[in-house]
Amino acid sequence: MIKLLIAEDHQMVRAGLRALLEKAGDIEVVGEASNGQEAVLLTQKLAPHVLVMDIRMPILNGIQAAERIRGLKLPVNIVLLSMFSDEGLVHQALKSGAKGYVLKSAASEELLWAVRAAHRGETFLSGPVSAIVVDQALNPRMTGTSPDPFDNLSPREKEILQLIAEEHTSSEIGSMLAVSEKTVEKHRAHLMEKLGAKNLAGLVRLAVKYGLVDRETP
């Protein structure tokens, strides 16, 4: 039996995923998380074989949570879910160590295939995502270039950028991450310099463009 954890911030979507996965017969859903931070904590607590996680989530998005889990060396294989197959997102997802990338628009059977593949330690990608990976392999970028500027950000800078885009103040971010407000302000200044943003609105636009937050975020 495959022990599985679901991480998705929309309760109705979580319920639908749970019903689909449990109906398969060889999958046991051992827990649910509503944000990336909970996903990391529950992975530590419940030790699932597979984590099915949405990319777009508050506090920590799916890619950041996957990076955190990899850093903790937790023995779980991750399948990421997304509405989008943007090249930058795919690149970040695979770099985070995810074993699967499934589009939410894909047939439900794809998610089951991805979960079973991940449990075996194999990689499964939805068709459009596979096409992107193949294109990258056949047409590699020049050495030293990167698909998106976020490759140059540290994990902490990505966390702070997401929280800024979610409209948290520097004081709130400092409390959430257990750092000083002054430290948050320094990180914000570094983010603006690295990403070439002139103001906070520019940072938010980049966070939306490169998948750190939902597209409808102001």
N, C-alpha and C. Protein backbone atom coordinates (compact mmCIF):
# COMPACT_ATOMS: atom_id res chain seq x y z
N MET A 1 0.84 -1.20 0.00
CA MET A 1 0.00 0.00 0.00
C MET A 1 0.88 1.25 0.00
N ILE A 2 0.55 2.19 -0.87
CA ILE A 2 1.31 3.44 -0.97
C ILE A 2 0.76 4.45 0.04
N LYS A 3 1.57 4.85 0.99
CA LYS A 3 1.17 5.88 1.95
C LYS A 3 1.38 7.25 1.31
N LEU A 4 0.32 8.06 1.26
CA LEU A 4 0.37 9.31 0.49
C LEU A 4 -0.13 10.49 1.30
N LEU A 5 0.54 11.62 1.11
CA LEU A 5 0.14 12.89 1.72
C LEU A 5 -0.28 13.85 0.62
N ILE A 6 -1.39 14.56 0.82
CA ILE A 6 -1.88 15.55 -0.14
C ILE A 6 -1.62 16.96 0.41
N ALA A 7 -1.06 17.83 -0.41
CA ALA A 7 -0.87 19.24 -0.03
C ALA A 7 -1.51 20.12 -1.09
N GLU A 8 -2.57 20.80 -0.71
CA GLU A 8 -3.36 21.64 -1.62
C GLU A 8 -4.13 22.64 -0.77
N ASP A 9 -4.09 23.92 -1.15
CA ASP A 9 -4.69 24.94 -0.28
C ASP A 9 -6.20 25.07 -0.44
N HIS A 10 -6.80 24.49 -1.47
CA HIS A 10 -8.25 24.55 -1.63
C HIS A 10 -8.89 23.26 -1.12
N GLN A 11 -9.76 23.41 -0.12
CA GLN A 11 -10.32 22.23 0.55
C GLN A 11 -11.10 21.34 -0.40
N MET A 12 -11.88 21.93 -1.30
CA MET A 12 -12.68 21.13 -2.21
C MET A 12 -11.79 20.34 -3.18
N VAL A 13 -10.70 20.94 -3.61
CA VAL A 13 -9.76 20.24 -4.49
C VAL A 13 -9.10 19.10 -3.73
N ARG A 14 -8.73 19.35 -2.47
CA ARG A 14 -8.14 18.28 -1.65
C ARG A 14 -9.10 17.10 -1.53
N ALA A 15 -10.37 17.42 -1.30
CA ALA A 15 -11.36 16.35 -1.15
C ALA A 15 -11.48 15.54 -2.44
N GLY A 16 -11.45 16.23 -3.58
CA GLY A 16 -11.54 15.53 -4.86
C GLY A 16 -10.33 14.65 -5.10
N LEU A 17 -9.15 15.17 -4.77
CA LEU A 17 -7.92 14.39 -4.93
C LEU A 17 -7.95 13.16 -4.02
N ARG A 18 -8.41 13.36 -2.80
CA ARG A 18 -8.45 12.24 -1.86
C ARG A 18 -9.38 11.14 -2.36
N ALA A 19 -10.56 11.54 -2.84
CA ALA A 19 -11.52 10.55 -3.34
C ALA A 19 -10.95 9.77 -4.52
N LEU A 20 -10.29 10.48 -5.43
CA LEU A 20 -9.70 9.83 -6.60
C LEU A 20 -8.61 8.85 -6.19
N LEU A 21 -7.73 9.28 -5.31
CA LEU A 21 -6.58 8.46 -4.95
C LEU A 21 -6.98 7.25 -4.10
N GLU A 22 -7.88 7.45 -3.16
CA GLU A 22 -8.29 6.34 -2.31
C GLU A 22 -9.10 5.30 -3.08
N LYS A 23 -9.79 5.75 -4.12
CA LYS A 23 -10.59 4.83 -4.93
C LYS A 23 -9.70 3.84 -5.69
N ALA A 24 -8.41 4.19 -5.87
CA ALA A 24 -7.50 3.35 -6.65
C ALA A 24 -7.28 1.98 -6.01
N GLY A 25 -7.38 1.92 -4.69
CA GLY A 25 -7.25 0.64 -4.00
C GLY A 25 -5.87 0.33 -3.46
N ASP A 26 -4.82 0.87 -4.09
CA ASP A 26 -3.46 0.60 -3.63
C ASP A 26 -2.83 1.83 -2.98
N ILE A 27 -3.64 2.84 -2.68
CA ILE A 27 -3.15 4.10 -2.11
C ILE A 27 -3.91 4.42 -0.82
N GLU A 28 -3.18 4.75 0.22
CA GLU A 28 -3.77 5.18 1.49
C GLU A 28 -3.37 6.62 1.75
N VAL A 29 -4.35 7.53 1.81
CA VAL A 29 -4.07 8.93 2.11
C VAL A 29 -3.92 9.07 3.63
N VAL A 30 -2.72 9.39 4.09
CA VAL A 30 -2.43 9.43 5.52
C VAL A 30 -2.57 10.82 6.11
N GLY A 31 -2.72 11.85 5.25
CA GLY A 31 -2.85 13.20 5.77
C GLY A 31 -3.05 14.23 4.69
N GLU A 32 -3.44 15.45 5.11
CA GLU A 32 -3.66 16.55 4.20
C GLU A 32 -3.01 17.81 4.75
N ALA A 33 -2.41 18.60 3.87
CA ALA A 33 -1.81 19.88 4.25
C ALA A 33 -2.43 20.98 3.40
N SER A 34 -2.55 22.18 3.98
CA SER A 34 -3.19 23.29 3.27
C SER A 34 -2.18 24.34 2.80
N ASN A 35 -0.90 24.16 3.13
CA ASN A 35 0.14 25.06 2.63
C ASN A 35 1.48 24.33 2.63
N GLY A 36 2.49 24.94 2.04
CA GLY A 36 3.77 24.28 1.91
C GLY A 36 4.45 24.01 3.23
N GLN A 37 4.29 24.92 4.17
CA GLN A 37 4.92 24.73 5.48
C GLN A 37 4.32 23.51 6.18
N GLU A 38 2.99 23.36 6.13
CA GLU A 38 2.34 22.19 6.70
C GLU A 38 2.80 20.92 5.99
N ALA A 39 3.00 21.00 4.69
CA ALA A 39 3.43 19.83 3.93
C ALA A 39 4.78 19.32 4.44
N VAL A 40 5.70 20.24 4.72
CA VAL A 40 7.01 19.85 5.24
C VAL A 40 6.86 19.20 6.61
N LEU A 41 6.09 19.84 7.49
CA LEU A 41 5.92 19.33 8.85
C LEU A 41 5.24 17.97 8.87
N LEU A 42 4.19 17.80 8.05
CA LEU A 42 3.47 16.52 8.02
C LEU A 42 4.30 15.43 7.35
N THR A 43 5.14 15.81 6.41
CA THR A 43 6.04 14.81 5.81
C THR A 43 7.00 14.27 6.87
N GLN A 44 7.49 15.16 7.72
CA GLN A 44 8.36 14.72 8.81
C GLN A 44 7.61 13.82 9.79
N LYS A 45 6.36 14.19 10.09
CA LYS A 45 5.58 13.49 11.11
C LYS A 45 5.02 12.15 10.62
N LEU A 46 4.49 12.12 9.39
CA LEU A 46 3.75 10.96 8.90
C LEU A 46 4.57 10.01 8.03
N ALA A 47 5.71 10.46 7.55
CA ALA A 47 6.60 9.64 6.72
C ALA A 47 5.88 8.96 5.56
N PRO A 48 5.20 9.73 4.70
CA PRO A 48 4.52 9.12 3.54
C PRO A 48 5.54 8.65 2.51
N HIS A 49 5.11 7.72 1.66
CA HIS A 49 5.97 7.29 0.56
C HIS A 49 5.98 8.35 -0.56
N VAL A 50 4.80 8.95 -0.78
CA VAL A 50 4.62 9.92 -1.87
C VAL A 50 3.89 11.14 -1.34
N LEU A 51 4.31 12.31 -1.80
CA LEU A 51 3.64 13.57 -1.49
C LEU A 51 3.12 14.17 -2.79
N VAL A 52 1.80 14.32 -2.89
CA VAL A 52 1.19 14.99 -4.04
C VAL A 52 0.93 16.43 -3.62
N MET A 53 1.54 17.38 -4.30
CA MET A 53 1.54 18.76 -3.82
C MET A 53 1.31 19.76 -4.94
N ASP A 54 0.39 20.69 -4.71
CA ASP A 54 0.15 21.77 -5.66
C ASP A 54 1.34 22.72 -5.63
N ILE A 55 1.70 23.25 -6.77
CA ILE A 55 2.79 24.23 -6.82
C ILE A 55 2.38 25.55 -6.18
N ARG A 56 1.15 25.99 -6.45
CA ARG A 56 0.72 27.30 -5.97
C ARG A 56 0.06 27.18 -4.60
N MET A 57 0.81 27.49 -3.54
CA MET A 57 0.28 27.45 -2.17
C MET A 57 0.86 28.59 -1.35
N PRO A 58 0.17 29.00 -0.30
CA PRO A 58 0.67 30.09 0.54
C PRO A 58 1.81 29.66 1.45
N ILE A 59 2.49 30.67 2.00
CA ILE A 59 3.62 30.56 2.94
C ILE A 59 4.84 29.95 2.24
N LEU A 60 4.76 28.68 1.87
CA LEU A 60 5.77 28.06 1.00
C LEU A 60 5.03 27.47 -0.18
N ASN A 61 5.47 27.76 -1.40
CA ASN A 61 4.81 27.10 -2.52
C ASN A 61 5.37 25.69 -2.66
N GLY A 62 4.82 24.92 -3.60
CA GLY A 62 5.20 23.52 -3.72
C GLY A 62 6.67 23.32 -4.03
N ILE A 63 7.23 24.18 -4.87
CA ILE A 63 8.64 24.04 -5.23
C ILE A 63 9.53 24.34 -4.03
N GLN A 64 9.20 25.39 -3.29
CA GLN A 64 9.98 25.72 -2.10
C GLN A 64 9.88 24.62 -1.05
N ALA A 65 8.67 24.07 -0.89
CA ALA A 65 8.48 22.97 0.07
C ALA A 65 9.29 21.75 -0.36
N ALA A 66 9.31 21.47 -1.66
CA ALA A 66 10.09 20.34 -2.16
C ALA A 66 11.57 20.55 -1.88
N GLU A 67 12.05 21.77 -2.08
CA GLU A 67 13.46 22.07 -1.80
C GLU A 67 13.76 21.89 -0.31
N ARG A 68 12.82 22.32 0.54
CA ARG A 68 13.02 22.17 1.98
C ARG A 68 13.06 20.69 2.37
N ILE A 69 12.16 19.91 1.79
CA ILE A 69 12.11 18.48 2.08
C ILE A 69 13.38 17.80 1.61
N ARG A 70 13.87 18.17 0.44
CA ARG A 70 15.12 17.60 -0.06
C ARG A 70 16.28 17.95 0.86
N GLY A 71 16.28 19.20 1.35
CA GLY A 71 17.33 19.62 2.26
C GLY A 71 17.32 18.85 3.57
N LEU A 72 16.14 18.43 4.00
CA LEU A 72 16.01 17.65 5.23
C LEU A 72 16.27 16.16 5.00
N LYS A 73 16.46 15.79 3.71
CA LYS A 73 16.72 14.40 3.33
C LYS A 73 15.61 13.45 3.80
N LEU A 74 14.37 13.90 3.65
CA LEU A 74 13.23 13.06 4.02
C LEU A 74 12.97 12.04 2.92
N PRO A 75 12.73 10.79 3.26
CA PRO A 75 12.55 9.73 2.26
C PRO A 75 11.16 9.70 1.65
N VAL A 76 10.85 10.73 0.87
CA VAL A 76 9.54 10.81 0.21
C VAL A 76 9.75 11.25 -1.23
N ASN A 77 8.97 10.71 -2.14
CA ASN A 77 9.02 11.15 -3.53
C ASN A 77 7.84 12.07 -3.80
N ILE A 78 8.09 13.15 -4.54
CA ILE A 78 7.11 14.22 -4.67
C ILE A 78 6.57 14.31 -6.09
N VAL A 79 5.24 14.43 -6.18
CA VAL A 79 4.56 14.70 -7.45
C VAL A 79 3.94 16.08 -7.33
N LEU A 80 4.32 16.99 -8.22
CA LEU A 80 3.79 18.34 -8.20
C LEU A 80 2.63 18.49 -9.18
N LEU A 81 1.63 19.25 -8.77
CA LEU A 81 0.47 19.54 -9.60
C LEU A 81 0.48 21.00 -9.99
N SER A 82 0.09 21.30 -11.23
CA SER A 82 0.05 22.69 -11.67
C SER A 82 -0.97 22.88 -12.78
N MET A 83 -1.50 24.09 -12.85
CA MET A 83 -2.36 24.45 -13.97
C MET A 83 -1.53 24.81 -15.20
N PHE A 84 -0.23 25.06 -15.00
CA PHE A 84 0.59 25.63 -16.05
C PHE A 84 1.80 24.77 -16.36
N SER A 85 2.25 24.84 -17.61
CA SER A 85 3.44 24.10 -18.03
C SER A 85 4.52 25.06 -18.52
N ASP A 86 4.61 26.23 -17.88
CA ASP A 86 5.63 27.21 -18.24
C ASP A 86 7.02 26.60 -18.09
N GLU A 87 7.91 26.92 -19.00
CA GLU A 87 9.26 26.37 -18.98
C GLU A 87 9.96 26.64 -17.66
N GLY A 88 9.81 27.87 -17.16
CA GLY A 88 10.47 28.22 -15.90
C GLY A 88 9.99 27.37 -14.74
N LEU A 89 8.67 27.13 -14.67
CA LEU A 89 8.11 26.31 -13.60
C LEU A 89 8.60 24.88 -13.70
N VAL A 90 8.61 24.34 -14.90
CA VAL A 90 9.06 22.96 -15.09
C VAL A 90 10.52 22.83 -14.66
N HIS A 91 11.33 23.78 -15.08
CA HIS A 91 12.75 23.77 -14.71
C HIS A 91 12.92 23.79 -13.19
N GLN A 92 12.19 24.70 -12.52
CA GLN A 92 12.29 24.81 -11.07
C GLN A 92 11.82 23.54 -10.39
N ALA A 93 10.72 22.97 -10.91
CA ALA A 93 10.15 21.76 -10.30
C ALA A 93 11.12 20.59 -10.35
N LEU A 94 11.71 20.35 -11.51
CA LEU A 94 12.63 19.23 -11.64
C LEU A 94 13.91 19.48 -10.85
N LYS A 95 14.34 20.73 -10.80
CA LYS A 95 15.54 21.06 -10.03
C LYS A 95 15.30 20.85 -8.53
N SER A 96 14.06 20.99 -8.09
CA SER A 96 13.73 20.81 -6.67
C SER A 96 13.77 19.34 -6.26
N GLY A 97 13.85 18.44 -7.23
CA GLY A 97 13.91 17.02 -6.93
C GLY A 97 12.60 16.29 -7.10
N ALA A 98 11.56 16.96 -7.61
CA ALA A 98 10.26 16.32 -7.79
C ALA A 98 10.37 15.16 -8.78
N LYS A 99 9.64 14.08 -8.50
CA LYS A 99 9.62 12.91 -9.38
C LYS A 99 8.48 12.97 -10.39
N GLY A 100 7.57 13.91 -10.21
CA GLY A 100 6.46 14.00 -11.14
C GLY A 100 5.97 15.42 -11.30
N TYR A 101 5.43 15.73 -12.47
CA TYR A 101 4.83 17.04 -12.75
C TYR A 101 3.59 16.75 -13.57
N VAL A 102 2.43 16.91 -12.95
CA VAL A 102 1.16 16.57 -13.58
C VAL A 102 0.30 17.82 -13.73
N LEU A 103 -0.21 18.05 -14.92
CA LEU A 103 -1.09 19.19 -15.15
C LEU A 103 -2.49 18.87 -14.61
N LYS A 104 -3.09 19.86 -13.99
CA LYS A 104 -4.42 19.65 -13.43
C LYS A 104 -5.47 19.40 -14.51
N SER A 105 -5.17 19.82 -15.71
CA SER A 105 -6.10 19.61 -16.82
C SER A 105 -5.98 18.21 -17.41
N ALA A 106 -4.99 17.44 -16.97
CA ALA A 106 -4.77 16.10 -17.51
C ALA A 106 -5.82 15.13 -17.00
N ALA A 107 -5.94 13.99 -17.66
CA ALA A 107 -6.87 12.95 -17.22
C ALA A 107 -6.47 12.47 -15.84
N SER A 108 -7.46 12.10 -15.04
CA SER A 108 -7.20 11.68 -13.67
C SER A 108 -6.27 10.48 -13.60
N GLU A 109 -6.28 9.64 -14.64
CA GLU A 109 -5.41 8.47 -14.65
C GLU A 109 -3.94 8.87 -14.60
N GLU A 110 -3.61 10.05 -15.16
CA GLU A 110 -2.21 10.49 -15.16
C GLU A 110 -1.69 10.65 -13.75
N LEU A 111 -2.53 11.17 -12.85
CA LEU A 111 -2.08 11.36 -11.48
C LEU A 111 -1.80 10.01 -10.82
N LEU A 112 -2.64 9.03 -11.07
CA LEU A 112 -2.41 7.70 -10.52
C LEU A 112 -1.12 7.10 -11.07
N TRP A 113 -0.90 7.26 -12.37
CA TRP A 113 0.35 6.77 -12.96
C TRP A 113 1.56 7.45 -12.33
N ALA A 114 1.42 8.77 -12.11
CA ALA A 114 2.53 9.54 -11.54
C ALA A 114 2.82 9.09 -10.11
N VAL A 115 1.79 8.85 -9.32
CA VAL A 115 1.97 8.42 -7.94
C VAL A 115 2.67 7.07 -7.90
N ARG A 116 2.22 6.13 -8.73
CA ARG A 116 2.83 4.80 -8.74
C ARG A 116 4.27 4.85 -9.24
N ALA A 117 4.51 5.67 -10.24
CA ALA A 117 5.87 5.83 -10.75
C ALA A 117 6.78 6.41 -9.66
N ALA A 118 6.29 7.45 -8.98
CA ALA A 118 7.07 8.08 -7.91
C ALA A 118 7.39 7.09 -6.80
N HIS A 119 6.41 6.26 -6.48
CA HIS A 119 6.62 5.25 -5.43
C HIS A 119 7.74 4.28 -5.82
N ARG A 120 7.89 4.02 -7.11
CA ARG A 120 8.96 3.15 -7.61
C ARG A 120 10.28 3.90 -7.78
N GLY A 121 10.25 5.22 -7.52
CA GLY A 121 11.45 6.02 -7.70
C GLY A 121 11.66 6.49 -9.12
N GLU A 122 10.61 6.38 -9.95
CA GLU A 122 10.69 6.79 -11.34
C GLU A 122 10.05 8.17 -11.53
N THR A 123 10.30 8.75 -12.69
CA THR A 123 9.76 10.08 -12.99
C THR A 123 8.62 9.98 -13.98
N PHE A 124 7.55 10.77 -13.73
CA PHE A 124 6.42 10.82 -14.65
C PHE A 124 6.08 12.28 -14.91
N LEU A 125 5.94 12.63 -16.20
CA LEU A 125 5.61 13.99 -16.60
C LEU A 125 4.41 13.96 -17.53
N SER A 126 3.48 14.90 -17.35
CA SER A 126 2.38 15.03 -18.30
C SER A 126 2.94 15.32 -19.69
N GLY A 127 2.19 14.98 -20.73
CA GLY A 127 2.66 15.12 -22.10
C GLY A 127 3.27 16.46 -22.44
N PRO A 128 2.56 17.58 -22.22
CA PRO A 128 3.13 18.89 -22.56
C PRO A 128 4.41 19.19 -21.78
N VAL A 129 4.50 18.67 -20.56
CA VAL A 129 5.70 18.89 -19.75
C VAL A 129 6.86 18.08 -20.31
N SER A 130 6.58 16.85 -20.73
CA SER A 130 7.62 16.03 -21.35
C SER A 130 8.19 16.71 -22.59
N ALA A 131 7.30 17.36 -23.36
CA ALA A 131 7.73 18.04 -24.57
C ALA A 131 8.71 19.17 -24.24
N ILE A 132 8.46 19.88 -23.14
CA ILE A 132 9.36 20.96 -22.72
C ILE A 132 10.72 20.40 -22.34
N VAL A 133 10.71 19.29 -21.58
CA VAL A 133 11.97 18.68 -21.15
C VAL A 133 12.77 18.18 -22.34
N VAL A 134 12.08 17.55 -23.29
CA VAL A 134 12.77 17.06 -24.49
C VAL A 134 13.36 18.22 -25.28
N ASP A 135 12.60 19.31 -25.40
CA ASP A 135 13.09 20.47 -26.13
C ASP A 135 14.33 21.06 -25.46
N GLN A 136 14.32 21.09 -24.12
CA GLN A 136 15.48 21.60 -23.40
C GLN A 136 16.70 20.72 -23.62
N ALA A 137 16.46 19.39 -23.70
CA ALA A 137 17.57 18.46 -23.90
C ALA A 137 18.14 18.57 -25.31
N LEU A 138 17.26 18.75 -26.30
CA LEU A 138 17.71 18.84 -27.69
C LEU A 138 18.26 20.20 -28.05
N ASN A 139 17.79 21.23 -27.33
CA ASN A 139 18.24 22.59 -27.61
C ASN A 139 18.74 23.24 -26.33
N PRO A 140 19.84 22.75 -25.79
CA PRO A 140 20.35 23.27 -24.52
C PRO A 140 20.72 24.74 -24.63
N ARG A 141 20.51 25.43 -23.52
CA ARG A 141 20.87 26.85 -23.49
C ARG A 141 22.37 26.99 -23.37
N MET A 142 22.85 28.19 -23.68
CA MET A 142 24.28 28.46 -23.59
C MET A 142 24.74 28.30 -22.15
N THR A 143 25.95 27.82 -21.97
CA THR A 143 26.50 27.65 -20.64
C THR A 143 26.48 28.98 -19.88
N GLY A 144 26.00 28.90 -18.63
CA GLY A 144 25.96 30.11 -17.81
C GLY A 144 24.64 30.84 -17.88
N THR A 145 23.74 30.46 -18.81
CA THR A 145 22.45 31.10 -18.86
C THR A 145 21.47 30.31 -18.02
N SER A 146 20.34 30.92 -17.69
CA SER A 146 19.34 30.29 -16.84
C SER A 146 17.97 30.54 -17.42
N PRO A 147 17.05 29.57 -17.32
CA PRO A 147 15.70 29.75 -17.84
C PRO A 147 14.97 30.91 -17.18
N ASP A 148 15.28 31.23 -15.94
CA ASP A 148 14.63 32.35 -15.29
C ASP A 148 15.55 32.93 -14.22
N PRO A 149 15.34 34.19 -13.85
CA PRO A 149 16.24 34.84 -12.90
C PRO A 149 16.14 34.28 -11.49
N PHE A 150 15.12 33.50 -11.18
CA PHE A 150 14.94 32.99 -9.84
C PHE A 150 15.99 31.94 -9.47
N ASP A 151 16.69 31.41 -10.46
CA ASP A 151 17.77 30.47 -10.17
C ASP A 151 18.87 31.13 -9.35
N ASN A 152 18.96 32.45 -9.43
CA ASN A 152 20.00 33.17 -8.70
C ASN A 152 19.58 33.57 -7.30
N LEU A 153 18.35 33.22 -6.90
CA LEU A 153 17.87 33.56 -5.57
C LEU A 153 18.10 32.41 -4.60
N SER A 154 18.36 32.75 -3.35
CA SER A 154 18.50 31.73 -2.32
C SER A 154 17.11 31.26 -1.90
N PRO A 155 17.00 30.09 -1.26
CA PRO A 155 15.69 29.62 -0.77
C PRO A 155 15.01 30.64 0.14
N ARG A 156 15.78 31.30 1.01
CA ARG A 156 15.18 32.30 1.91
C ARG A 156 14.66 33.50 1.13
N GLU A 157 15.39 33.92 0.10
CA GLU A 157 14.92 35.04 -0.72
C GLU A 157 13.63 34.69 -1.45
N LYS A 158 13.50 33.45 -1.91
CA LYS A 158 12.27 33.02 -2.56
C LYS A 158 11.10 33.03 -1.57
N GLU A 159 11.35 32.57 -0.35
CA GLU A 159 10.31 32.58 0.67
C GLU A 159 9.83 34.00 0.93
N ILE A 160 10.79 34.92 1.10
CA ILE A 160 10.43 36.30 1.41
C ILE A 160 9.71 36.95 0.25
N LEU A 161 10.14 36.66 -0.97
CA LEU A 161 9.46 37.23 -2.13
C LEU A 161 8.02 36.76 -2.20
N GLN A 162 7.79 35.47 -1.94
CA GLN A 162 6.42 34.98 -1.97
C GLN A 162 5.57 35.66 -0.90
N LEU A 163 6.12 35.83 0.30
CA LEU A 163 5.36 36.46 1.38
C LEU A 163 5.10 37.94 1.09
N ILE A 164 6.04 38.61 0.43
CA ILE A 164 5.81 39.99 0.01
C ILE A 164 4.66 40.04 -0.99
N ALA A 165 4.68 39.10 -1.96
CA ALA A 165 3.62 39.06 -2.98
C ALA A 165 2.26 38.73 -2.38
N GLU A 166 2.28 38.04 -1.23
CA GLU A 166 1.02 37.72 -0.54
C GLU A 166 0.58 38.86 0.38
N GLU A 167 1.28 40.00 0.27
CA GLU A 167 0.92 41.25 0.94
C GLU A 167 1.18 41.25 2.44
N HIS A 168 2.14 40.45 2.90
CA HIS A 168 2.55 40.51 4.30
C HIS A 168 3.54 41.66 4.48
N THR A 169 3.47 42.33 5.63
CA THR A 169 4.41 43.41 5.92
C THR A 169 5.76 42.82 6.33
N SER A 170 6.78 43.68 6.35
CA SER A 170 8.11 43.22 6.76
C SER A 170 8.08 42.70 8.19
N SER A 171 7.30 43.36 9.04
CA SER A 171 7.18 42.91 10.43
C SER A 171 6.54 41.53 10.51
N GLU A 172 5.48 41.32 9.73
CA GLU A 172 4.80 40.03 9.73
C GLU A 172 5.71 38.93 9.19
N ILE A 173 6.45 39.25 8.13
CA ILE A 173 7.36 38.27 7.55
C ILE A 173 8.44 37.89 8.55
N GLY A 174 8.97 38.91 9.25
CA GLY A 174 9.99 38.64 10.26
C GLY A 174 9.48 37.70 11.33
N SER A 175 8.24 37.90 11.77
CA SER A 175 7.65 37.03 12.79
C SER A 175 7.45 35.61 12.26
N MET A 176 7.00 35.50 11.02
CA MET A 176 6.74 34.18 10.44
C MET A 176 8.02 33.38 10.24
N LEU A 177 9.13 34.08 9.91
CA LEU A 177 10.39 33.40 9.61
C LEU A 177 11.39 33.46 10.76
N ALA A 178 10.98 34.07 11.87
CA ALA A 178 11.83 34.19 13.06
C ALA A 178 13.13 34.94 12.75
N VAL A 179 12.99 36.05 12.00
CA VAL A 179 14.12 36.93 11.74
C VAL A 179 13.68 38.36 12.04
N SER A 180 14.62 39.26 12.08
CA SER A 180 14.29 40.65 12.40
C SER A 180 13.68 41.35 11.18
N GLU A 181 12.93 42.41 11.45
CA GLU A 181 12.36 43.22 10.38
C GLU A 181 13.47 43.82 9.51
N LYS A 182 14.57 44.19 10.16
CA LYS A 182 15.71 44.75 9.42
C LYS A 182 16.28 43.73 8.44
N THR A 183 16.32 42.47 8.85
CA THR A 183 16.82 41.40 7.97
C THR A 183 15.90 41.25 6.76
N VAL A 184 14.60 41.32 7.00
CA VAL A 184 13.64 41.22 5.90
C VAL A 184 13.84 42.36 4.91
N GLU A 185 14.05 43.56 5.44
CA GLU A 185 14.26 44.72 4.57
C GLU A 185 15.53 44.55 3.73
N LYS A 186 16.58 43.98 4.32
CA LYS A 186 17.81 43.73 3.56
C LYS A 186 17.56 42.73 2.43
N HIS A 187 16.82 41.69 2.76
CA HIS A 187 16.50 40.69 1.73
C HIS A 187 15.67 41.33 0.61
N ARG A 188 14.75 42.21 1.00
CA ARG A 188 13.92 42.87 -0.02
C ARG A 188 14.78 43.72 -0.95
N ALA A 189 15.75 44.44 -0.38
CA ALA A 189 16.64 45.27 -1.20
C ALA A 189 17.46 44.39 -2.15
N HIS A 190 17.95 43.24 -1.65
CA HIS A 190 18.71 42.33 -2.50
C HIS A 190 17.85 41.77 -3.62
N LEU A 191 16.58 41.46 -3.29
CA LEU A 191 15.66 40.94 -4.30
C LEU A 191 15.46 41.95 -5.43
N MET A 192 15.25 43.19 -5.06
CA MET A 192 15.02 44.23 -6.07
C MET A 192 16.25 44.39 -6.95
N GLU A 193 17.43 44.28 -6.35
CA GLU A 193 18.67 44.42 -7.12
C GLU A 193 18.87 43.23 -8.05
N LYS A 194 18.68 42.01 -7.53
CA LYS A 194 18.90 40.80 -8.33
C LYS A 194 17.90 40.68 -9.48
N LEU A 195 16.65 41.07 -9.23
CA LEU A 195 15.60 40.89 -10.22
C LEU A 195 15.37 42.12 -11.08
N GLY A 196 16.06 43.21 -10.76
CA GLY A 196 15.93 44.42 -11.56
C GLY A 196 14.58 45.09 -11.39
N ALA A 197 13.99 44.94 -10.21
CA ALA A 197 12.68 45.55 -9.94
C ALA A 197 12.89 46.94 -9.32
N LYS A 198 12.05 47.89 -9.74
CA LYS A 198 12.20 49.26 -9.25
C LYS A 198 11.40 49.51 -7.97
N ASN A 199 10.39 48.68 -7.72
CA ASN A 199 9.54 48.88 -6.54
C ASN A 199 8.87 47.56 -6.17
N LEU A 200 8.06 47.59 -5.12
CA LEU A 200 7.40 46.38 -4.65
C LEU A 200 6.44 45.82 -5.69
N ALA A 201 5.77 46.70 -6.42
CA ALA A 201 4.84 46.24 -7.46
C ALA A 201 5.59 45.42 -8.51
N GLY A 202 6.81 45.86 -8.83
CA GLY A 202 7.62 45.11 -9.78
C GLY A 202 8.00 43.74 -9.27
N LEU A 203 8.30 43.65 -7.96
CA LEU A 203 8.60 42.35 -7.36
C LEU A 203 7.40 41.42 -7.44
N VAL A 204 6.22 41.96 -7.15
CA VAL A 204 5.01 41.14 -7.18
C VAL A 204 4.74 40.63 -8.59
N ARG A 205 4.91 41.50 -9.58
CA ARG A 205 4.68 41.08 -10.97
C ARG A 205 5.62 39.93 -11.35
N LEU A 206 6.87 40.01 -10.91
CA LEU A 206 7.82 38.94 -11.21
C LEU A 206 7.46 37.66 -10.47
N ALA A 207 6.99 37.79 -9.23
CA ALA A 207 6.59 36.61 -8.46
C ALA A 207 5.44 35.89 -9.15
N VAL A 208 4.52 36.66 -9.71
CA VAL A 208 3.39 36.08 -10.44
C VAL A 208 3.88 35.43 -11.73
N LYS A 209 4.73 36.15 -12.46
CA LYS A 209 5.21 35.66 -13.75
C LYS A 209 5.94 34.34 -13.62
N TYR A 210 6.74 34.19 -12.57
CA TYR A 210 7.56 33.00 -12.43
C TYR A 210 6.98 31.97 -11.47
N GLY A 211 5.69 32.11 -11.14
CA GLY A 211 4.99 31.03 -10.48
C GLY A 211 5.10 30.92 -8.97
N LEU A 212 5.58 31.97 -8.29
CA LEU A 212 5.64 31.89 -6.84
C LEU A 212 4.27 32.08 -6.21
N VAL A 213 3.39 32.82 -6.87
CA VAL A 213 2.06 33.05 -6.35
C VAL A 213 1.05 32.92 -7.49
N ASP A 214 -0.24 32.84 -7.12
CA ASP A 214 -1.28 32.71 -8.13
C ASP A 214 -1.30 33.90 -9.05
N ARG A 215 -1.75 33.68 -10.27
CA ARG A 215 -1.79 34.74 -11.26
C ARG A 215 -2.79 35.84 -10.91
N GLU A 216 -3.80 35.49 -10.11
CA GLU A 216 -4.78 36.52 -9.76
C GLU A 216 -4.33 37.39 -8.62
N THR A 217 -3.15 37.07 -7.98
CA THR A 217 -2.66 37.91 -6.91
C THR A 217 -2.39 39.31 -7.44
N PRO A 218 -2.86 40.38 -6.77
CA PRO A 218 -2.65 41.73 -7.25
C PRO A 218 -1.17 42.06 -7.38
